[in-house]
Amino acid sequence: MTKTEIMDALKEKATPYSSFSIDESTAKAMTSLPNPFDLVEPILELIGTHPTVDFGMPGDLVHFVEHFYNHGYEELLMASVAHTPTAHNIWMLHRCYNNPKDPKRKQYTALVNELMTNDSIPEEIKREIQGYTWE
């Protein structure tokens, strides 16, 4: 499968108000790409644009993108949260924040503080942010 075919298969599975799962052939194709990191940004976009899908805690997609932790994933995640904050990607950002050795912890806090003062951010997202410790 190509990157486009993989993303099409993932988008097809992103049904509102239902649990998300990846079939075995798509999962294998994701890891078989010459550069699987190329899927991280579109996966984060999928998560950000489908806030009513239950992607799991953490779920198949989070497990996949977290393989690239400390290899560019965090920057893409911060951009995703800044562009389209959802309960799921806020939770993912907090997973990064929970690593006391993560050098980007202050950036995560600055991002969520910026979201908290942004009048265009829905109250439900602000409540989600407030549900976590960002000290």
N, C-alpha and C. Protein backbone atom coordinates (compact mmCIF):
# COMPACT_ATOMS: atom_id res chain seq x y z
N MET A 1 0.84 -1.19 0.00
CA MET A 1 0.00 0.00 0.00
C MET A 1 0.88 1.25 0.00
N THR A 2 0.41 2.27 -0.66
CA THR A 2 1.10 3.55 -0.65
C THR A 2 0.65 4.36 0.56
N LYS A 3 1.33 5.45 0.81
CA LYS A 3 0.95 6.35 1.90
C LYS A 3 -0.50 6.82 1.72
N THR A 4 -0.85 7.19 0.50
CA THR A 4 -2.21 7.65 0.21
C THR A 4 -3.23 6.55 0.47
N GLU A 5 -2.94 5.35 0.03
CA GLU A 5 -3.86 4.23 0.26
C GLU A 5 -4.02 3.92 1.75
N ILE A 6 -2.92 4.02 2.47
CA ILE A 6 -2.98 3.79 3.93
C ILE A 6 -3.86 4.84 4.58
N MET A 7 -3.63 6.10 4.23
CA MET A 7 -4.44 7.17 4.84
C MET A 7 -5.91 7.05 4.45
N ASP A 8 -6.18 6.65 3.22
CA ASP A 8 -7.57 6.43 2.80
C ASP A 8 -8.21 5.33 3.64
N ALA A 9 -7.47 4.25 3.90
CA ALA A 9 -7.99 3.15 4.72
C ALA A 9 -8.23 3.62 6.16
N LEU A 10 -7.32 4.43 6.69
CA LEU A 10 -7.50 4.95 8.05
C LEU A 10 -8.69 5.88 8.13
N LYS A 11 -8.84 6.75 7.16
CA LYS A 11 -9.97 7.68 7.14
C LYS A 11 -11.30 6.93 7.05
N GLU A 12 -11.30 5.86 6.31
CA GLU A 12 -12.52 5.05 6.16
C GLU A 12 -12.95 4.45 7.50
N LYS A 13 -11.98 4.14 8.35
CA LYS A 13 -12.27 3.55 9.66
C LYS A 13 -12.67 4.60 10.71
N ALA A 14 -12.46 5.87 10.42
CA ALA A 14 -12.74 6.95 11.37
C ALA A 14 -14.22 7.32 11.34
N THR A 15 -15.03 6.49 11.96
CA THR A 15 -16.47 6.68 11.98
C THR A 15 -16.86 7.41 13.27
N PRO A 16 -17.60 8.52 13.14
CA PRO A 16 -18.00 9.27 14.34
C PRO A 16 -18.73 8.39 15.37
N TYR A 17 -18.41 8.63 16.62
CA TYR A 17 -19.04 7.97 17.76
C TYR A 17 -18.87 6.46 17.76
N SER A 18 -17.75 6.01 17.23
CA SER A 18 -17.44 4.58 17.29
C SER A 18 -15.96 4.39 17.59
N SER A 19 -15.61 3.17 17.94
CA SER A 19 -14.22 2.85 18.25
C SER A 19 -13.43 2.63 16.97
N PHE A 20 -12.21 3.11 16.97
CA PHE A 20 -11.33 3.03 15.82
C PHE A 20 -10.42 1.82 15.96
N SER A 21 -10.24 1.10 14.87
CA SER A 21 -9.26 0.02 14.86
C SER A 21 -8.65 -0.08 13.47
N ILE A 22 -7.46 -0.61 13.43
CA ILE A 22 -6.73 -0.76 12.17
C ILE A 22 -6.70 -2.24 11.83
N ASP A 23 -7.02 -2.56 10.58
CA ASP A 23 -6.94 -3.97 10.19
C ASP A 23 -5.47 -4.35 10.02
N GLU A 24 -5.24 -5.63 10.06
CA GLU A 24 -3.86 -6.16 10.05
C GLU A 24 -3.08 -5.76 8.80
N SER A 25 -3.72 -5.77 7.65
CA SER A 25 -3.00 -5.44 6.41
C SER A 25 -2.58 -3.97 6.39
N THR A 26 -3.43 -3.09 6.91
CA THR A 26 -3.07 -1.67 6.97
C THR A 26 -1.95 -1.45 7.97
N ALA A 27 -2.04 -2.09 9.12
CA ALA A 27 -0.98 -1.96 10.14
C ALA A 27 0.36 -2.42 9.59
N LYS A 28 0.36 -3.52 8.87
CA LYS A 28 1.61 -4.02 8.28
C LYS A 28 2.14 -3.05 7.23
N ALA A 29 1.23 -2.51 6.42
CA ALA A 29 1.64 -1.55 5.38
C ALA A 29 2.25 -0.29 6.01
N MET A 30 1.69 0.13 7.15
CA MET A 30 2.21 1.34 7.81
C MET A 30 3.67 1.17 8.21
N THR A 31 3.99 0.04 8.76
CA THR A 31 5.37 -0.19 9.21
C THR A 31 6.30 -0.60 8.07
N SER A 32 5.71 -0.96 6.93
CA SER A 32 6.52 -1.39 5.78
C SER A 32 6.91 -0.25 4.84
N LEU A 33 6.36 0.92 5.06
CA LEU A 33 6.72 2.05 4.21
C LEU A 33 8.22 2.34 4.34
N PRO A 34 8.86 2.82 3.28
CA PRO A 34 10.28 3.16 3.39
C PRO A 34 10.55 4.18 4.50
N ASN A 35 9.63 5.13 4.70
CA ASN A 35 9.78 6.11 5.77
C ASN A 35 8.44 6.25 6.50
N PRO A 36 8.18 5.37 7.48
CA PRO A 36 6.90 5.40 8.19
C PRO A 36 6.61 6.73 8.88
N PHE A 37 7.65 7.50 9.19
CA PHE A 37 7.45 8.81 9.82
C PHE A 37 6.58 9.72 8.95
N ASP A 38 6.58 9.48 7.66
CA ASP A 38 5.76 10.29 6.75
C ASP A 38 4.27 10.19 7.07
N LEU A 39 3.87 9.19 7.84
CA LEU A 39 2.47 9.04 8.21
C LEU A 39 2.09 9.83 9.46
N VAL A 40 3.06 10.27 10.24
CA VAL A 40 2.77 10.90 11.52
C VAL A 40 1.91 12.15 11.35
N GLU A 41 2.31 13.06 10.49
CA GLU A 41 1.55 14.29 10.33
C GLU A 41 0.12 14.04 9.83
N PRO A 42 -0.09 13.22 8.80
CA PRO A 42 -1.47 12.97 8.38
C PRO A 42 -2.29 12.21 9.43
N ILE A 43 -1.65 11.37 10.22
CA ILE A 43 -2.38 10.69 11.29
C ILE A 43 -2.81 11.70 12.35
N LEU A 44 -1.92 12.61 12.71
CA LEU A 44 -2.29 13.65 13.67
C LEU A 44 -3.40 14.55 13.13
N GLU A 45 -3.37 14.80 11.83
CA GLU A 45 -4.44 15.58 11.21
C GLU A 45 -5.76 14.80 11.28
N LEU A 46 -5.71 13.51 11.03
CA LEU A 46 -6.90 12.66 11.13
C LEU A 46 -7.48 12.72 12.54
N ILE A 47 -6.63 12.60 13.54
CA ILE A 47 -7.09 12.67 14.93
C ILE A 47 -7.68 14.05 15.22
N GLY A 48 -7.03 15.10 14.74
CA GLY A 48 -7.50 16.46 15.00
C GLY A 48 -8.80 16.81 14.31
N THR A 49 -9.06 16.19 13.17
CA THR A 49 -10.27 16.53 12.42
C THR A 49 -11.43 15.57 12.66
N HIS A 50 -11.23 14.60 13.53
CA HIS A 50 -12.29 13.64 13.87
C HIS A 50 -12.45 13.54 15.40
N PRO A 51 -12.88 14.63 16.04
CA PRO A 51 -12.92 14.65 17.50
C PRO A 51 -13.95 13.70 18.13
N THR A 52 -14.90 13.20 17.36
CA THR A 52 -15.92 12.31 17.93
C THR A 52 -15.59 10.83 17.76
N VAL A 53 -14.45 10.52 17.18
CA VAL A 53 -14.03 9.13 17.01
C VAL A 53 -13.29 8.70 18.28
N ASP A 54 -13.57 7.51 18.74
CA ASP A 54 -12.86 6.95 19.89
C ASP A 54 -11.60 6.26 19.37
N PHE A 55 -10.47 6.98 19.42
CA PHE A 55 -9.21 6.43 18.91
C PHE A 55 -8.54 5.51 19.92
N GLY A 56 -9.11 5.39 21.12
CA GLY A 56 -8.55 4.51 22.14
C GLY A 56 -7.61 5.25 23.06
N MET A 57 -7.29 4.60 24.15
CA MET A 57 -6.39 5.19 25.14
C MET A 57 -5.29 4.19 25.49
N PRO A 58 -4.24 4.08 24.76
CA PRO A 58 -3.83 4.99 23.74
C PRO A 58 -4.32 4.64 22.33
N GLY A 59 -4.53 3.40 22.01
CA GLY A 59 -5.03 3.06 20.68
C GLY A 59 -3.92 2.84 19.66
N ASP A 60 -4.32 2.22 18.56
CA ASP A 60 -3.36 1.84 17.51
C ASP A 60 -2.60 3.02 16.93
N LEU A 61 -3.30 4.12 16.65
CA LEU A 61 -2.63 5.26 16.02
C LEU A 61 -1.64 5.92 16.97
N VAL A 62 -2.02 6.06 18.23
CA VAL A 62 -1.09 6.67 19.20
C VAL A 62 0.14 5.79 19.37
N HIS A 63 -0.08 4.49 19.47
CA HIS A 63 1.08 3.58 19.56
C HIS A 63 2.01 3.78 18.36
N PHE A 64 1.44 3.90 17.19
CA PHE A 64 2.25 4.07 15.99
C PHE A 64 3.03 5.38 16.04
N VAL A 65 2.36 6.51 16.26
CA VAL A 65 3.06 7.80 16.20
C VAL A 65 4.06 7.95 17.33
N GLU A 66 3.80 7.33 18.47
CA GLU A 66 4.73 7.46 19.59
C GLU A 66 6.04 6.71 19.36
N HIS A 67 6.10 5.88 18.34
CA HIS A 67 7.38 5.27 17.97
C HIS A 67 8.39 6.34 17.54
N PHE A 68 7.88 7.51 17.20
CA PHE A 68 8.73 8.59 16.70
C PHE A 68 8.95 9.68 17.76
N TYR A 69 8.67 9.32 19.02
CA TYR A 69 8.95 10.22 20.14
C TYR A 69 10.45 10.48 20.16
N ASN A 70 10.82 11.72 20.32
CA ASN A 70 12.22 12.18 20.27
C ASN A 70 12.82 12.11 18.86
N HIS A 71 11.96 12.00 17.86
CA HIS A 71 12.41 11.98 16.47
C HIS A 71 11.50 12.85 15.59
N GLY A 72 10.94 13.90 16.18
CA GLY A 72 10.11 14.82 15.42
C GLY A 72 8.63 14.75 15.69
N TYR A 73 8.19 13.70 16.37
CA TYR A 73 6.77 13.54 16.68
C TYR A 73 6.23 14.70 17.52
N GLU A 74 6.98 15.11 18.53
CA GLU A 74 6.49 16.14 19.46
C GLU A 74 6.19 17.45 18.75
N GLU A 75 7.06 17.85 17.83
CA GLU A 75 6.84 19.10 17.10
C GLU A 75 5.57 19.01 16.25
N LEU A 76 5.37 17.88 15.61
CA LEU A 76 4.16 17.70 14.81
C LEU A 76 2.92 17.65 15.68
N LEU A 77 3.03 17.04 16.85
CA LEU A 77 1.90 16.99 17.78
C LEU A 77 1.56 18.39 18.28
N MET A 78 2.56 19.18 18.64
CA MET A 78 2.30 20.55 19.09
C MET A 78 1.62 21.36 18.00
N ALA A 79 2.05 21.20 16.76
CA ALA A 79 1.42 21.91 15.65
C ALA A 79 -0.03 21.47 15.48
N SER A 80 -0.28 20.19 15.64
CA SER A 80 -1.64 19.66 15.53
C SER A 80 -2.53 20.23 16.63
N VAL A 81 -2.03 20.24 17.85
CA VAL A 81 -2.80 20.77 18.98
C VAL A 81 -3.07 22.26 18.78
N ALA A 82 -2.08 22.98 18.32
CA ALA A 82 -2.25 24.42 18.10
C ALA A 82 -3.28 24.69 17.00
N HIS A 83 -3.30 23.85 15.98
CA HIS A 83 -4.20 24.06 14.84
C HIS A 83 -5.61 23.57 15.13
N THR A 84 -5.74 22.36 15.66
CA THR A 84 -7.06 21.78 15.93
C THR A 84 -7.03 21.02 17.25
N PRO A 85 -7.11 21.73 18.36
CA PRO A 85 -7.07 21.04 19.65
C PRO A 85 -8.33 20.19 19.86
N THR A 86 -8.10 18.95 20.25
CA THR A 86 -9.19 18.03 20.58
C THR A 86 -8.87 17.38 21.93
N ALA A 87 -9.85 16.72 22.50
CA ALA A 87 -9.61 16.02 23.75
C ALA A 87 -8.49 14.98 23.57
N HIS A 88 -8.49 14.30 22.43
CA HIS A 88 -7.51 13.23 22.23
C HIS A 88 -6.09 13.76 22.04
N ASN A 89 -5.92 14.81 21.22
CA ASN A 89 -4.54 15.27 21.03
C ASN A 89 -4.02 16.06 22.24
N ILE A 90 -4.91 16.65 23.03
CA ILE A 90 -4.49 17.26 24.30
C ILE A 90 -3.97 16.16 25.22
N TRP A 91 -4.70 15.06 25.28
CA TRP A 91 -4.29 13.91 26.09
C TRP A 91 -2.94 13.38 25.61
N MET A 92 -2.73 13.31 24.30
CA MET A 92 -1.46 12.86 23.74
C MET A 92 -0.32 13.80 24.13
N LEU A 93 -0.60 15.10 24.08
CA LEU A 93 0.41 16.08 24.47
C LEU A 93 0.77 15.92 25.95
N HIS A 94 -0.24 15.65 26.76
CA HIS A 94 0.03 15.46 28.19
C HIS A 94 0.86 14.21 28.44
N ARG A 95 0.70 13.19 27.61
CA ARG A 95 1.56 12.00 27.72
C ARG A 95 3.02 12.39 27.53
N CYS A 96 3.29 13.27 26.58
CA CYS A 96 4.66 13.75 26.38
C CYS A 96 5.11 14.56 27.60
N TYR A 97 4.23 15.44 28.06
CA TYR A 97 4.55 16.29 29.20
C TYR A 97 4.91 15.45 30.44
N ASN A 98 4.27 14.32 30.58
CA ASN A 98 4.49 13.47 31.76
C ASN A 98 5.91 12.91 31.86
N ASN A 99 6.68 13.01 30.81
CA ASN A 99 8.06 12.56 30.87
C ASN A 99 8.90 13.69 31.46
N PRO A 100 9.34 13.55 32.71
CA PRO A 100 10.07 14.65 33.36
C PRO A 100 11.40 14.98 32.66
N LYS A 101 11.89 14.10 31.82
CA LYS A 101 13.15 14.35 31.10
C LYS A 101 12.93 14.97 29.72
N ASP A 102 11.68 15.16 29.33
CA ASP A 102 11.38 15.73 28.02
C ASP A 102 11.80 17.20 28.01
N PRO A 103 12.73 17.59 27.13
CA PRO A 103 13.21 18.97 27.11
C PRO A 103 12.16 19.97 26.59
N LYS A 104 11.06 19.49 26.07
CA LYS A 104 10.03 20.38 25.52
C LYS A 104 8.88 20.64 26.50
N ARG A 105 9.02 20.23 27.73
CA ARG A 105 7.93 20.38 28.71
C ARG A 105 7.46 21.84 28.81
N LYS A 106 8.38 22.78 28.82
CA LYS A 106 7.98 24.20 28.91
C LYS A 106 7.21 24.63 27.66
N GLN A 107 7.58 24.08 26.52
CA GLN A 107 6.85 24.39 25.29
C GLN A 107 5.42 23.85 25.34
N TYR A 108 5.26 22.65 25.90
CA TYR A 108 3.91 22.09 26.04
C TYR A 108 3.06 22.98 26.94
N THR A 109 3.65 23.40 28.04
CA THR A 109 2.92 24.26 28.98
C THR A 109 2.58 25.59 28.33
N ALA A 110 3.52 26.16 27.61
CA ALA A 110 3.26 27.44 26.93
C ALA A 110 2.13 27.28 25.92
N LEU A 111 2.12 26.17 25.20
CA LEU A 111 1.07 25.93 24.21
C LEU A 111 -0.31 25.85 24.87
N VAL A 112 -0.42 25.07 25.92
CA VAL A 112 -1.75 24.94 26.55
C VAL A 112 -2.15 26.24 27.23
N ASN A 113 -1.20 26.99 27.77
CA ASN A 113 -1.53 28.29 28.35
C ASN A 113 -2.04 29.25 27.28
N GLU A 114 -1.44 29.19 26.11
CA GLU A 114 -1.88 30.02 24.99
C GLU A 114 -3.31 29.63 24.57
N LEU A 115 -3.58 28.34 24.53
CA LEU A 115 -4.93 27.88 24.19
C LEU A 115 -5.95 28.36 25.23
N MET A 116 -5.54 28.34 26.49
CA MET A 116 -6.46 28.74 27.57
C MET A 116 -6.84 30.21 27.48
N THR A 117 -5.99 31.04 26.91
CA THR A 117 -6.29 32.47 26.81
C THR A 117 -6.87 32.86 25.45
N ASN A 118 -7.02 31.88 24.58
CA ASN A 118 -7.55 32.14 23.23
C ASN A 118 -9.08 32.06 23.27
N ASP A 119 -9.73 33.17 22.98
CA ASP A 119 -11.20 33.22 23.03
C ASP A 119 -11.88 32.34 21.99
N SER A 120 -11.16 31.93 20.95
CA SER A 120 -11.78 31.10 19.92
C SER A 120 -11.75 29.60 20.26
N ILE A 121 -11.07 29.24 21.34
CA ILE A 121 -11.00 27.83 21.74
C ILE A 121 -12.26 27.49 22.54
N PRO A 122 -12.96 26.42 22.16
CA PRO A 122 -14.19 26.04 22.88
C PRO A 122 -13.94 25.74 24.36
N GLU A 123 -14.92 26.04 25.17
CA GLU A 123 -14.81 25.80 26.61
C GLU A 123 -14.55 24.34 26.93
N GLU A 124 -15.10 23.42 26.14
CA GLU A 124 -14.89 22.00 26.41
C GLU A 124 -13.41 21.63 26.26
N ILE A 125 -12.72 22.25 25.34
CA ILE A 125 -11.28 22.00 25.17
C ILE A 125 -10.52 22.62 26.35
N LYS A 126 -10.92 23.78 26.79
CA LYS A 126 -10.27 24.40 27.94
C LYS A 126 -10.47 23.55 29.20
N ARG A 127 -11.66 22.98 29.36
CA ARG A 127 -11.90 22.09 30.50
C ARG A 127 -11.02 20.84 30.41
N GLU A 128 -10.83 20.35 29.19
CA GLU A 128 -9.96 19.19 28.98
C GLU A 128 -8.53 19.52 29.42
N ILE A 129 -8.05 20.67 29.00
CA ILE A 129 -6.70 21.12 29.39
C ILE A 129 -6.60 21.24 30.91
N GLN A 130 -7.61 21.81 31.53
CA GLN A 130 -7.62 22.00 32.98
C GLN A 130 -7.68 20.68 33.74
N GLY A 131 -8.09 19.63 33.07
CA GLY A 131 -8.15 18.33 33.72
C GLY A 131 -6.80 17.67 33.93
N TYR A 132 -5.76 18.28 33.41
CA TYR A 132 -4.40 17.75 33.54
C TYR A 132 -3.53 18.74 34.30
N THR A 133 -2.46 18.22 34.86
CA THR A 133 -1.48 19.05 35.56
C THR A 133 -0.40 19.45 34.55
N TRP A 134 -0.14 20.77 34.48
CA TRP A 134 0.86 21.30 33.55
C TRP A 134 1.89 22.16 34.30
N GLU A 135 2.25 21.78 35.48
CA GLU A 135 3.14 22.60 36.33
C GLU A 135 4.58 22.45 35.95
